[in-house]
């Protein structure tokens, strides 16, 4: 059974980001109803993966200023079935302090590093809304740098990856809903893809 350690949260960064977004929202025109879609993972050369996602206007979406992001997440081999993100802790072999576990279709997936695997509005200077009409891209992931425990197959060189994207509704200083703050959010789980290291 995989050992689990507590997920560290970047509370300072979230507080700064939330305050900056709230200031932008106060000056912004009326928000539109938007939704977010996680797109298939692309492979930019051997052993390199990149995620893509975008937002679109949608009558069934949420009122949003387009603040959110998307991350590459990798399936955790041999993990127990899950029902919520809280069921998926961070394995001991993941050494980053900004890792996170997610439950996707009853299986646990891991984001080894928030900064390394994600594009987020709060990481841009100044803070940016997710692009409409032109997909945002996560940083490229070099599969050879990922922990060996994430790979499967006879040669231990296969890994399952997908994009997990989230769009925040309107929010205040308590933090963005995608990061656990109060309010509406939309989460999109892209299709899984098996890549070779």
Foldseek 3Di string as FASTA:
>chain_A
DFDFDAAADPVVLQLVLQALVQVVVVVDDFFAFKAKAWEWWDADDAQKIKTKMAMDGDPPGARAPQFWKKFKKWFQPPDAFDDFQVSAGDGPVLDDNNKGWTHDPRGIIIGSHDQQTMDGQSVDVVRDGADHPDIDMTHMDRNVPDDLSQADDPVSFKIKIWMKIKGFHDDHSQGTVVSPGDDDMHIYTYDIDIHGD
